[in-house]
Amino acid sequence: MSVHSAKDIIRAARIKAGLTQEQLSEGICTLQSLSRIETGAADVGPATFQALMEHAGSPHGRYPVFSSREDFDCFYSLKHARFHLDAWQLTSAYEELQQIEDKGWADNRLYYQEWLLLHCRLQFRSYCCSHQQNYQALVYALHITRPRMDLSSFSGLLLSQNELQILISLSQEALYLGNIGTYLEIHAQLASYLASSKFAAMDKERMEAENAIVIVKLWVNLDYLFRSSYMSV
């Protein structure tokens, strides 16, 4: 089963964006899978549907029917985990993420990618993370959908919100690891990418704010280093 006219919604969004099936499917599913989805020969799950619509610049609030109870539970728990993290309810966020892991992420790589992002955020906010481990986990999460992605040049890609949020977190971890060059490469591209993106206003402003917070952390660190070196003279 699939949501009413999901295939038509996806196809219309793709054509409106001026994208080929190959361009829209990149990093999300195979070209053959998208072709089958658009013709109605294959179902489309909520995570894939959402990612395709984001790539087309048309975020959509209507989702397909869930393929299974585990699919629904993982989708639902991911949304709750985000809510709890935003409210700094870390124990509740951990419990939601644990439930998703116990269900094997409903055997969905997009759920797993989002889970890795939220798990790294939880580790960071718990003040018990290894920045190196978080950085490596975020790189792995990004490679789930972008196995050959070059961090020094990604401005020409069609990126989902999850991928952009992973990049924001990567830039933050690079900063804490002292990899200023990597941080600056990612941050500059993100600022330009978000400014010209077609995400919903609230989502766009949220990501721009998250990216701006990281640059503030850079200036705070530079100020601290300057003061420390001045005092030691």
C-alpha atoms as a PDB file:
ATOM      1  CA  MET A   1       0.000   0.000   0.000  1.00  0.00           C
ATOM      2  CA  SER A   2       1.055   3.587  -0.528  1.00  0.00           C
ATOM      3  CA  VAL A   3      -0.354   6.984   0.212  1.00  0.00           C
ATOM      4  CA  HIS A   4      -2.920   8.385  -2.223  1.00  0.00           C
ATOM      5  CA  SER A   5      -1.115   9.765  -5.302  1.00  0.00           C
ATOM      6  CA  ALA A   6       2.323   9.687  -3.643  1.00  0.00           C
ATOM      7  CA  LYS A   7       3.782   8.819  -7.045  1.00  0.00           C
ATOM      8  CA  ASP A   8       2.091  11.856  -8.590  1.00  0.00           C
ATOM      9  CA  ILE A   9       3.217  14.172  -5.777  1.00  0.00           C
ATOM     10  CA  ILE A  10       6.851  13.077  -6.170  1.00  0.00           C
ATOM     11  CA  ARG A  11       6.801  13.258  -9.965  1.00  0.00           C
ATOM     12  CA  ALA A  12       5.166  16.713  -9.967  1.00  0.00           C
ATOM     13  CA  ALA A  13       7.717  18.030  -7.440  1.00  0.00           C
ATOM     14  CA  ARG A  14      10.593  16.633  -9.498  1.00  0.00           C
ATOM     15  CA  ILE A  15       9.353  18.173 -12.740  1.00  0.00           C
ATOM     16  CA  LYS A  16       8.672  21.514 -11.030  1.00  0.00           C
ATOM     17  CA  ALA A  17      12.258  21.526  -9.728  1.00  0.00           C
ATOM     18  CA  GLY A  18      13.587  20.722 -13.201  1.00  0.00           C
ATOM     19  CA  LEU A  19      15.287  17.533 -12.025  1.00  0.00           C
ATOM     20  CA  THR A  20      15.828  14.243 -13.790  1.00  0.00           C
ATOM     21  CA  GLN A  21      15.030  11.004 -11.986  1.00  0.00           C
ATOM     22  CA  GLU A  22      18.759  10.374 -11.682  1.00  0.00           C
ATOM     23  CA  GLN A  23      19.340  13.756 -10.013  1.00  0.00           C
ATOM     24  CA  LEU A  24      16.442  13.367  -7.575  1.00  0.00           C
ATOM     25  CA  SER A  25      17.282   9.801  -6.569  1.00  0.00           C
ATOM     26  CA  GLU A  26      20.969  10.541  -5.865  1.00  0.00           C
ATOM     27  CA  GLY A  27      21.864   9.603  -2.306  1.00  0.00           C
ATOM     28  CA  ILE A  28      18.327   8.360  -1.516  1.00  0.00           C
ATOM     29  CA  CYS A  29      17.449   5.379  -3.656  1.00  0.00           C
ATOM     30  CA  THR A  30      18.415   3.792  -6.954  1.00  0.00           C
ATOM     31  CA  LEU A  31      17.265   5.267 -10.246  1.00  0.00           C
ATOM     32  CA  GLN A  32      15.286   2.091 -10.889  1.00  0.00           C
ATOM     33  CA  SER A  33      13.527   2.410  -7.509  1.00  0.00           C
ATOM     34  CA  LEU A  34      12.449   5.992  -8.206  1.00  0.00           C
ATOM     35  CA  SER A  35      11.221   5.017 -11.642  1.00  0.00           C
ATOM     36  CA  ARG A  36       9.110   2.246 -10.112  1.00  0.00           C
ATOM     37  CA  ILE A  37       7.806   4.619  -7.416  1.00  0.00           C
ATOM     38  CA  GLU A  38       6.727   7.215  -9.989  1.00  0.00           C
ATOM     39  CA  THR A  39       4.897   4.617 -12.076  1.00  0.00           C
ATOM     40  CA  GLY A  40       3.191   3.135  -9.022  1.00  0.00           C
ATOM     41  CA  ALA A  41       4.980  -0.196  -9.409  1.00  0.00           C
ATOM     42  CA  ALA A  42       6.642   0.161  -5.983  1.00  0.00           C
ATOM     43  CA  ASP A  43       5.608   1.554  -2.625  1.00  0.00           C
ATOM     44  CA  VAL A  44       7.437   4.424  -0.963  1.00  0.00           C
ATOM     45  CA  GLY A  45       8.101   4.608   2.767  1.00  0.00           C
ATOM     46  CA  PRO A  46       7.824   7.793   4.839  1.00  0.00           C
ATOM     47  CA  ALA A  47      11.574   8.373   5.213  1.00  0.00           C
ATOM     48  CA  THR A  48      12.190   7.968   1.467  1.00  0.00           C
ATOM     49  CA  PHE A  49       9.160  10.082   0.614  1.00  0.00           C
ATOM     50  CA  GLN A  50      10.316  12.896   2.893  1.00  0.00           C
ATOM     51  CA  ALA A  51      13.896  12.812   1.556  1.00  0.00           C
ATOM     52  CA  LEU A  52      12.744  12.871  -2.086  1.00  0.00           C
ATOM     53  CA  MET A  53      10.446  15.822  -1.448  1.00  0.00           C
ATOM     54  CA  GLU A  54      13.211  17.721   0.365  1.00  0.00           C
ATOM     55  CA  HIS A  55      15.596  17.138  -2.534  1.00  0.00           C
ATOM     56  CA  ALA A  56      12.954  18.507  -4.889  1.00  0.00           C
ATOM     57  CA  GLY A  57      12.641  21.633  -2.747  1.00  0.00           C
ATOM     58  CA  SER A  58       9.073  20.784  -1.779  1.00  0.00           C
ATOM     59  CA  PRO A  59       8.956  19.522   1.835  1.00  0.00           C
ATOM     60  CA  HIS A  60       5.628  17.789   2.322  1.00  0.00           C
ATOM     61  CA  GLY A  61       3.645  16.949   5.432  1.00  0.00           C
ATOM     62  CA  ARG A  62       1.752  13.994   3.976  1.00  0.00           C
ATOM     63  CA  TYR A  63       3.353  10.597   4.386  1.00  0.00           C
ATOM     64  CA  PRO A  64       2.701   7.179   2.826  1.00  0.00           C
ATOM     65  CA  VAL A  65       1.101   4.392   4.766  1.00  0.00           C
ATOM     66  CA  PHE A  66       3.739   2.726   6.934  1.00  0.00           C
ATOM     67  CA  SER A  67       4.905  -0.655   5.706  1.00  0.00           C
ATOM     68  CA  SER A  68       4.910  -2.207   9.175  1.00  0.00           C
ATOM     69  CA  ARG A  69       4.399  -1.487  12.847  1.00  0.00           C
ATOM     70  CA  GLU A  70       8.179  -1.286  13.333  1.00  0.00           C
ATOM     71  CA  ASP A  71       8.415   1.244  10.506  1.00  0.00           C
ATOM     72  CA  PHE A  72       5.846   3.448  12.226  1.00  0.00           C
ATOM     73  CA  ASP A  73       7.421   3.009  15.675  1.00  0.00           C
ATOM     74  CA  CYS A  74      10.884   4.031  14.409  1.00  0.00           C
ATOM     75  CA  PHE A  75       9.519   7.050  12.546  1.00  0.00           C
ATOM     76  CA  TYR A  76       7.503   8.115  15.592  1.00  0.00           C
ATOM     77  CA  SER A  77      10.384   7.583  18.046  1.00  0.00           C
ATOM     78  CA  LEU A  78      12.797   9.606  15.886  1.00  0.00           C
ATOM     79  CA  LYS A  79      10.425  12.579  16.003  1.00  0.00           C
ATOM     80  CA  HIS A  80      10.065  12.215  19.764  1.00  0.00           C
ATOM     81  CA  ALA A  81      13.823  11.889  20.237  1.00  0.00           C
ATOM     82  CA  ARG A  82      14.310  15.179  18.376  1.00  0.00           C
ATOM     83  CA  PHE A  83      11.706  16.841  20.583  1.00  0.00           C
ATOM     84  CA  HIS A  84      13.336  15.590  23.773  1.00  0.00           C
ATOM     85  CA  LEU A  85      16.808  16.655  22.616  1.00  0.00           C
ATOM     86  CA  ASP A  86      15.580  20.157  21.788  1.00  0.00           C
ATOM     87  CA  ALA A  87      14.107  20.356  25.302  1.00  0.00           C
ATOM     88  CA  TRP A  88      17.300  18.912  26.847  1.00  0.00           C
ATOM     89  CA  GLN A  89      15.298  15.961  28.175  1.00  0.00           C
ATOM     90  CA  LEU A  90      18.272  13.690  27.679  1.00  0.00           C
ATOM     91  CA  THR A  91      17.023  10.600  29.511  1.00  0.00           C
ATOM     92  CA  SER A  92      13.811  10.560  27.469  1.00  0.00           C
ATOM     93  CA  ALA A  93      15.795  11.091  24.263  1.00  0.00           C
ATOM     94  CA  TYR A  94      18.061   8.157  25.166  1.00  0.00           C
ATOM     95  CA  GLU A  95      15.057   5.907  25.798  1.00  0.00           C
ATOM     96  CA  GLU A  96      13.519   6.759  22.427  1.00  0.00           C
ATOM     97  CA  LEU A  97      16.807   6.121  20.615  1.00  0.00           C
ATOM     98  CA  GLN A  98      17.245   2.819  22.460  1.00  0.00           C
ATOM     99  CA  GLN A  99      13.805   1.674  21.291  1.00  0.00           C
ATOM    100  CA  ILE A 100      14.785   2.415  17.685  1.00  0.00           C
ATOM    101  CA  GLU A 101      18.036   0.472  18.046  1.00  0.00           C
ATOM    102  CA  ASP A 102      16.172  -2.476  19.586  1.00  0.00           C
ATOM    103  CA  LYS A 103      13.934  -2.562  16.490  1.00  0.00           C
ATOM    104  CA  GLY A 104      16.932  -2.594  14.165  1.00  0.00           C
ATOM    105  CA  TRP A 105      15.997   0.787  12.689  1.00  0.00           C
ATOM    106  CA  ALA A 106      13.191  -1.033  10.825  1.00  0.00           C
ATOM    107  CA  ASP A 107      15.932  -2.143   8.405  1.00  0.00           C
ATOM    108  CA  ASN A 108      15.871   1.378   6.898  1.00  0.00           C
ATOM    109  CA  ARG A 109      19.184   3.116   6.218  1.00  0.00           C
ATOM    110  CA  LEU A 110      17.593   6.594   6.339  1.00  0.00           C
ATOM    111  CA  TYR A 111      16.286   5.898   9.847  1.00  0.00           C
ATOM    112  CA  TYR A 112      19.735   4.636  10.800  1.00  0.00           C
ATOM    113  CA  GLN A 113      21.357   7.774   9.408  1.00  0.00           C
ATOM    114  CA  GLU A 114      19.038  10.037  11.420  1.00  0.00           C
ATOM    115  CA  TRP A 115      19.548   7.863  14.509  1.00  0.00           C
ATOM    116  CA  LEU A 116      23.328   8.295  14.254  1.00  0.00           C
ATOM    117  CA  LEU A 117      22.915  12.076  13.999  1.00  0.00           C
ATOM    118  CA  LEU A 118      20.641  12.229  17.057  1.00  0.00           C
ATOM    119  CA  HIS A 119      22.819   9.794  19.012  1.00  0.00           C
ATOM    120  CA  CYS A 120      25.869  12.016  18.411  1.00  0.00           C
ATOM    121  CA  ARG A 121      23.875  15.064  19.522  1.00  0.00           C
ATOM    122  CA  LEU A 122      22.864  13.206  22.673  1.00  0.00           C
ATOM    123  CA  GLN A 123      26.493  12.297  23.396  1.00  0.00           C
ATOM    124  CA  PHE A 124      27.548  15.903  22.870  1.00  0.00           C
ATOM    125  CA  ARG A 125      24.853  17.319  25.128  1.00  0.00           C
ATOM    126  CA  SER A 126      25.565  14.742  27.815  1.00  0.00           C
ATOM    127  CA  TYR A 127      29.114  16.130  28.115  1.00  0.00           C
ATOM    128  CA  CYS A 128      30.485  12.583  27.997  1.00  0.00           C
ATOM    129  CA  CYS A 129      31.330  12.260  24.330  1.00  0.00           C
ATOM    130  CA  SER A 130      34.598  11.630  22.576  1.00  0.00           C
ATOM    131  CA  HIS A 131      34.772  14.300  19.889  1.00  0.00           C
ATOM    132  CA  GLN A 132      36.870  11.989  17.732  1.00  0.00           C
ATOM    133  CA  GLN A 133      34.313   9.179  17.999  1.00  0.00           C
ATOM    134  CA  ASN A 134      31.467  11.591  17.291  1.00  0.00           C
ATOM    135  CA  TYR A 135      33.290  12.949  14.241  1.00  0.00           C
ATOM    136  CA  GLN A 136      33.883   9.450  12.876  1.00  0.00           C
ATOM    137  CA  ALA A 137      30.257   8.431  13.514  1.00  0.00           C
ATOM    138  CA  LEU A 138      28.982  11.532  11.703  1.00  0.00           C
ATOM    139  CA  VAL A 139      31.252  10.884   8.711  1.00  0.00           C
ATOM    140  CA  TYR A 140      29.903   7.320   8.616  1.00  0.00           C
ATOM    141  CA  ALA A 141      26.320   8.632   8.808  1.00  0.00           C
ATOM    142  CA  LEU A 142      26.950  10.981   5.898  1.00  0.00           C
ATOM    143  CA  HIS A 143      28.477   8.183   3.828  1.00  0.00           C
ATOM    144  CA  ILE A 144      25.275   6.137   4.177  1.00  0.00           C
ATOM    145  CA  THR A 145      23.713   8.336   1.508  1.00  0.00           C
ATOM    146  CA  ARG A 146      26.859  10.060   0.165  1.00  0.00           C
ATOM    147  CA  PRO A 147      29.602   7.411   0.018  1.00  0.00           C
ATOM    148  CA  ARG A 148      31.877   9.503  -2.209  1.00  0.00           C
ATOM    149  CA  MET A 149      31.121  12.946  -0.798  1.00  0.00           C
ATOM    150  CA  ASP A 150      33.998  15.433  -0.664  1.00  0.00           C
ATOM    151  CA  LEU A 151      33.677  17.741   2.347  1.00  0.00           C
ATOM    152  CA  SER A 152      35.652  20.409   0.518  1.00  0.00           C
ATOM    153  CA  SER A 153      33.119  20.625  -2.309  1.00  0.00           C
ATOM    154  CA  PHE A 154      29.456  19.753  -1.779  1.00  0.00           C
ATOM    155  CA  SER A 155      27.661  22.969  -2.760  1.00  0.00           C
ATOM    156  CA  GLY A 156      26.414  21.486  -6.039  1.00  0.00           C
ATOM    157  CA  LEU A 157      24.637  18.530  -4.423  1.00  0.00           C
ATOM    158  CA  LEU A 158      20.968  18.185  -3.505  1.00  0.00           C
ATOM    159  CA  LEU A 159      21.140  17.640   0.248  1.00  0.00           C
ATOM    160  CA  SER A 160      18.434  16.571   2.687  1.00  0.00           C
ATOM    161  CA  GLN A 161      17.897  18.197   6.077  1.00  0.00           C
ATOM    162  CA  ASN A 162      19.499  15.212   7.798  1.00  0.00           C
ATOM    163  CA  GLU A 163      22.585  15.511   5.599  1.00  0.00           C
ATOM    164  CA  LEU A 164      22.840  19.256   6.252  1.00  0.00           C
ATOM    165  CA  GLN A 165      22.433  18.763   9.992  1.00  0.00           C
ATOM    166  CA  ILE A 166      25.145  16.098   9.922  1.00  0.00           C
ATOM    167  CA  LEU A 167      27.435  18.598   8.188  1.00  0.00           C
ATOM    168  CA  ILE A 168      26.672  21.238  10.818  1.00  0.00           C
ATOM    169  CA  SER A 169      27.511  18.751  13.578  1.00  0.00           C
ATOM    170  CA  LEU A 170      30.646  17.699  11.694  1.00  0.00           C
ATOM    171  CA  SER A 171      31.854  21.292  11.540  1.00  0.00           C
ATOM    172  CA  GLN A 172      31.282  21.604  15.288  1.00  0.00           C
ATOM    173  CA  GLU A 173      33.206  18.424  16.059  1.00  0.00           C
ATOM    174  CA  ALA A 174      36.036  19.527  13.729  1.00  0.00           C
ATOM    175  CA  LEU A 175      36.229  22.760  15.715  1.00  0.00           C
ATOM    176  CA  TYR A 176      36.503  20.912  19.041  1.00  0.00           C
ATOM    177  CA  LEU A 177      39.185  18.671  17.559  1.00  0.00           C
ATOM    178  CA  GLY A 178      41.167  21.712  16.467  1.00  0.00           C
ATOM    179  CA  ASN A 179      40.689  21.004  12.744  1.00  0.00           C
ATOM    180  CA  ILE A 180      40.024  24.652  11.907  1.00  0.00           C
ATOM    181  CA  GLY A 181      40.650  24.150   8.185  1.00  0.00           C
ATOM    182  CA  THR A 182      37.968  21.447   7.927  1.00  0.00           C
ATOM    183  CA  TYR A 183      35.595  23.529  10.020  1.00  0.00           C
ATOM    184  CA  LEU A 184      36.007  26.611   7.806  1.00  0.00           C
ATOM    185  CA  GLU A 185      35.542  24.571   4.604  1.00  0.00           C
ATOM    186  CA  ILE A 186      32.270  23.096   5.819  1.00  0.00           C
ATOM    187  CA  HIS A 187      30.935  26.263   7.457  1.00  0.00           C
ATOM    188  CA  ALA A 188      31.460  28.531   4.445  1.00  0.00           C
ATOM    189  CA  GLN A 189      29.704  26.112   2.106  1.00  0.00           C
ATOM    190  CA  LEU A 190      26.836  25.583   4.537  1.00  0.00           C
ATOM    191  CA  ALA A 191      26.190  29.315   4.903  1.00  0.00           C
ATOM    192  CA  SER A 192      25.997  29.734   1.132  1.00  0.00           C
ATOM    193  CA  TYR A 193      23.955  26.552   0.630  1.00  0.00           C
ATOM    194  CA  LEU A 194      21.353  27.401   3.262  1.00  0.00           C
ATOM    195  CA  ALA A 195      20.972  30.982   2.019  1.00  0.00           C
ATOM    196  CA  SER A 196      19.867  29.751  -1.410  1.00  0.00           C
ATOM    197  CA  SER A 197      17.983  26.629  -0.291  1.00  0.00           C
ATOM    198  CA  LYS A 198      14.255  26.078  -0.756  1.00  0.00           C
ATOM    199  CA  PHE A 199      13.448  24.524   2.593  1.00  0.00           C
ATOM    200  CA  ALA A 200      10.433  25.699   4.574  1.00  0.00           C
ATOM    201  CA  ALA A 201      11.203  28.998   6.322  1.00  0.00           C
ATOM    202  CA  MET A 202      11.183  27.520   9.839  1.00  0.00           C
ATOM    203  CA  ASP A 203      13.474  24.612   8.919  1.00  0.00           C
ATOM    204  CA  LYS A 204      15.829  26.905   7.013  1.00  0.00           C
ATOM    205  CA  GLU A 205      16.066  29.428   9.858  1.00  0.00           C
ATOM    206  CA  ARG A 206      16.679  26.640  12.351  1.00  0.00           C
ATOM    207  CA  MET A 207      19.607  25.244  10.378  1.00  0.00           C
ATOM    208  CA  GLU A 208      21.040  28.719   9.779  1.00  0.00           C
ATOM    209  CA  ALA A 209      20.852  29.362  13.530  1.00  0.00           C
ATOM    210  CA  GLU A 210      22.603  26.052  14.289  1.00  0.00           C
ATOM    211  CA  ASN A 211      25.340  26.924  11.806  1.00  0.00           C
ATOM    212  CA  ALA A 212      25.699  30.411  13.290  1.00  0.00           C
ATOM    213  CA  ILE A 213      26.094  28.987  16.799  1.00  0.00           C
ATOM    214  CA  VAL A 214      29.154  27.051  15.657  1.00  0.00           C
ATOM    215  CA  ILE A 215      30.850  30.199  14.311  1.00  0.00           C
ATOM    216  CA  VAL A 216      30.206  31.884  17.666  1.00  0.00           C
ATOM    217  CA  LYS A 217      31.982  28.976  19.359  1.00  0.00           C
ATOM    218  CA  LEU A 218      34.962  29.560  17.067  1.00  0.00           C
ATOM    219  CA  TRP A 219      35.238  33.210  18.084  1.00  0.00           C
ATOM    220  CA  VAL A 220      34.875  32.303  21.761  1.00  0.00           C
ATOM    221  CA  ASN A 221      37.710  29.777  21.422  1.00  0.00           C
ATOM    222  CA  LEU A 222      39.916  32.250  19.552  1.00  0.00           C
ATOM    223  CA  ASP A 223      39.270  34.893  22.195  1.00  0.00           C
ATOM    224  CA  TYR A 224      40.176  32.416  24.937  1.00  0.00           C
ATOM    225  CA  LEU A 225      43.405  31.423  23.163  1.00  0.00           C
ATOM    226  CA  PHE A 226      44.310  35.077  22.632  1.00  0.00           C
ATOM    227  CA  ARG A 227      43.731  35.939  26.276  1.00  0.00           C
ATOM    228  CA  SER A 228      45.687  32.874  27.433  1.00  0.00           C
ATOM    229  CA  SER A 229      48.670  33.718  25.250  1.00  0.00           C
ATOM    230  CA  TYR A 230      48.530  37.369  26.349  1.00  0.00           C
ATOM    231  CA  MET A 231      48.510  36.428  30.054  1.00  0.00           C
ATOM    232  CA  SER A 232      51.485  34.091  29.577  1.00  0.00           C
ATOM    233  CA  VAL A 233      53.643  36.848  28.076  1.00  0.00           C
END
